Amino acid sequence: MNSSITVRDIDPRDKSWLKREAREVGVSMEELVRRLIREKRTKTERRPKPSEAFARHFGEEHGIELPPPVRCGYRPLSFSDEDRE
């Protein structure tokens, strides 16, 4: 996977900062930018709610009908005729 990004009109001070930081760490400027992007992405990723994860794996598009949400979460499912009365 070989791709490159060209950044135009970068502030010369930012470019010199990148060069200094990369030199200090001992990597190329490109690798430093990759690491900065990866670090930022991992910090901003949010964990899905359990209900979102359940819906993603077992939702309607997978043939399962989810129970309607109620005030305090999902109602417990009942499969017996006695509970329906």
C-alpha atoms as a PDB file:
ATOM      1  CA  MET A   1       0.000   0.000   0.000  1.00  0.00           C
ATOM      2  CA  ASN A   2       1.999   2.878  -1.293  1.00  0.00           C
ATOM      3  CA  SER A   3       0.284   6.252  -1.226  1.00  0.00           C
ATOM      4  CA  SER A   4       1.543   9.740  -0.688  1.00  0.00           C
ATOM      5  CA  ILE A   5      -0.008  13.000   0.368  1.00  0.00           C
ATOM      6  CA  THR A   6       1.138  16.407  -0.739  1.00  0.00           C
ATOM      7  CA  VAL A   7       0.425  19.267   1.621  1.00  0.00           C
ATOM      8  CA  ARG A   8       0.343  22.609  -0.093  1.00  0.00           C
ATOM      9  CA  ASP A   9       0.718  26.011   1.520  1.00  0.00           C
ATOM     10  CA  ILE A  10       2.030  24.626   4.795  1.00  0.00           C
ATOM     11  CA  ASP A  11       3.331  27.218   7.184  1.00  0.00           C
ATOM     12  CA  PRO A  12       7.176  27.183   7.065  1.00  0.00           C
ATOM     13  CA  ARG A  13       7.270  27.203  10.881  1.00  0.00           C
ATOM     14  CA  ASP A  14       5.098  24.063  10.975  1.00  0.00           C
ATOM     15  CA  LYS A  15       7.321  22.364   8.430  1.00  0.00           C
ATOM     16  CA  SER A  16      10.473  23.191  10.361  1.00  0.00           C
ATOM     17  CA  TRP A  17       8.793  21.935  13.553  1.00  0.00           C
ATOM     18  CA  LEU A  18       7.954  18.656  11.813  1.00  0.00           C
ATOM     19  CA  LYS A  19      11.546  18.306  10.601  1.00  0.00           C
ATOM     20  CA  ARG A  20      12.933  18.956  14.101  1.00  0.00           C
ATOM     21  CA  GLU A  21      10.537  16.525  15.759  1.00  0.00           C
ATOM     22  CA  ALA A  22      11.201  13.835  13.170  1.00  0.00           C
ATOM     23  CA  ARG A  23      14.949  14.256  13.514  1.00  0.00           C
ATOM     24  CA  GLU A  24      14.681  14.097  17.311  1.00  0.00           C
ATOM     25  CA  VAL A  25      12.675  10.858  17.181  1.00  0.00           C
ATOM     26  CA  GLY A  26      14.821   9.437  14.384  1.00  0.00           C
ATOM     27  CA  VAL A  27      12.130   8.898  11.765  1.00  0.00           C
ATOM     28  CA  SER A  28      11.170  10.530   8.498  1.00  0.00           C
ATOM     29  CA  MET A  29       8.688  13.404   8.381  1.00  0.00           C
ATOM     30  CA  GLU A  30       6.188  11.107   6.661  1.00  0.00           C
ATOM     31  CA  GLU A  31       6.433   8.507   9.412  1.00  0.00           C
ATOM     32  CA  LEU A  32       6.035  11.188  12.073  1.00  0.00           C
ATOM     33  CA  VAL A  33       2.863  12.441  10.369  1.00  0.00           C
ATOM     34  CA  ARG A  34       1.534   8.860  10.177  1.00  0.00           C
ATOM     35  CA  ARG A  35       2.155   8.413  13.893  1.00  0.00           C
ATOM     36  CA  LEU A  36       0.495  11.730  14.731  1.00  0.00           C
ATOM     37  CA  ILE A  37      -2.571  10.802  12.668  1.00  0.00           C
ATOM     38  CA  ARG A  38      -2.771   7.334  14.234  1.00  0.00           C
ATOM     39  CA  GLU A  39      -2.457   8.803  17.740  1.00  0.00           C
ATOM     40  CA  LYS A  40      -5.169  11.389  17.072  1.00  0.00           C
ATOM     41  CA  ARG A  41      -7.498   8.773  15.573  1.00  0.00           C
ATOM     42  CA  THR A  42      -7.157   6.420  18.540  1.00  0.00           C
ATOM     43  CA  LYS A  43      -7.847   9.266  20.966  1.00  0.00           C
ATOM     44  CA  THR A  44     -11.012  10.360  19.158  1.00  0.00           C
ATOM     45  CA  GLU A  45     -12.529   6.935  18.486  1.00  0.00           C
ATOM     46  CA  ARG A  46     -15.544   6.325  20.648  1.00  0.00           C
ATOM     47  CA  ARG A  47     -16.719   2.976  21.856  1.00  0.00           C
ATOM     48  CA  PRO A  48     -20.193   2.030  20.667  1.00  0.00           C
ATOM     49  CA  LYS A  49     -22.969   1.536  23.215  1.00  0.00           C
ATOM     50  CA  PRO A  50     -23.834  -2.125  23.816  1.00  0.00           C
ATOM     51  CA  SER A  51     -27.187  -1.583  22.084  1.00  0.00           C
ATOM     52  CA  GLU A  52     -25.405  -0.120  19.016  1.00  0.00           C
ATOM     53  CA  ALA A  53     -23.025  -3.078  18.843  1.00  0.00           C
ATOM     54  CA  PHE A  54     -25.933  -5.521  19.202  1.00  0.00           C
ATOM     55  CA  ALA A  55     -27.898  -3.736  16.467  1.00  0.00           C
ATOM     56  CA  ARG A  56     -24.880  -3.731  14.144  1.00  0.00           C
ATOM     57  CA  HIS A  57     -24.356  -7.492  14.462  1.00  0.00           C
ATOM     58  CA  PHE A  58     -27.954  -8.691  14.940  1.00  0.00           C
ATOM     59  CA  GLY A  59     -30.098  -5.895  13.478  1.00  0.00           C
ATOM     60  CA  GLU A  60     -32.914  -5.999  10.962  1.00  0.00           C
ATOM     61  CA  GLU A  61     -30.514  -6.259   8.014  1.00  0.00           C
ATOM     62  CA  HIS A  62     -29.404  -9.606   9.494  1.00  0.00           C
ATOM     63  CA  GLY A  63     -32.951 -10.933   9.894  1.00  0.00           C
ATOM     64  CA  ILE A  64     -33.491 -10.202  13.584  1.00  0.00           C
ATOM     65  CA  GLU A  65     -36.156  -7.821  14.805  1.00  0.00           C
ATOM     66  CA  LEU A  66     -35.037  -5.793  17.814  1.00  0.00           C
ATOM     67  CA  PRO A  67     -37.522  -5.154  20.609  1.00  0.00           C
ATOM     68  CA  PRO A  68     -38.692  -1.549  20.917  1.00  0.00           C
ATOM     69  CA  PRO A  69     -36.740   0.468  23.492  1.00  0.00           C
ATOM     70  CA  VAL A  70     -38.488   1.487  26.715  1.00  0.00           C
ATOM     71  CA  ARG A  71     -37.557   4.103  29.269  1.00  0.00           C
ATOM     72  CA  CYS A  72     -34.955   2.001  31.127  1.00  0.00           C
ATOM     73  CA  GLY A  73     -33.581  -0.031  28.255  1.00  0.00           C
ATOM     74  CA  TYR A  74     -35.072  -3.014  26.449  1.00  0.00           C
ATOM     75  CA  ARG A  75     -38.028  -4.976  27.752  1.00  0.00           C
ATOM     76  CA  PRO A  76     -37.199  -8.566  28.576  1.00  0.00           C
ATOM     77  CA  LEU A  77     -38.384 -10.928  25.876  1.00  0.00           C
ATOM     78  CA  SER A  78     -40.930 -13.556  26.770  1.00  0.00           C
ATOM     79  CA  PHE A  79     -41.739 -16.606  24.695  1.00  0.00           C
ATOM     80  CA  SER A  80     -44.549 -18.073  26.786  1.00  0.00           C
ATOM     81  CA  ASP A  81     -48.286 -17.476  26.376  1.00  0.00           C
ATOM     82  CA  GLU A  82     -48.725 -16.902  30.122  1.00  0.00           C
ATOM     83  CA  ASP A  83     -46.683 -13.678  30.068  1.00  0.00           C
ATOM     84  CA  ARG A  84     -48.809 -12.188  27.292  1.00  0.00           C
ATOM     85  CA  GLU A  85     -51.952 -12.112  29.442  1.00  0.00           C
END
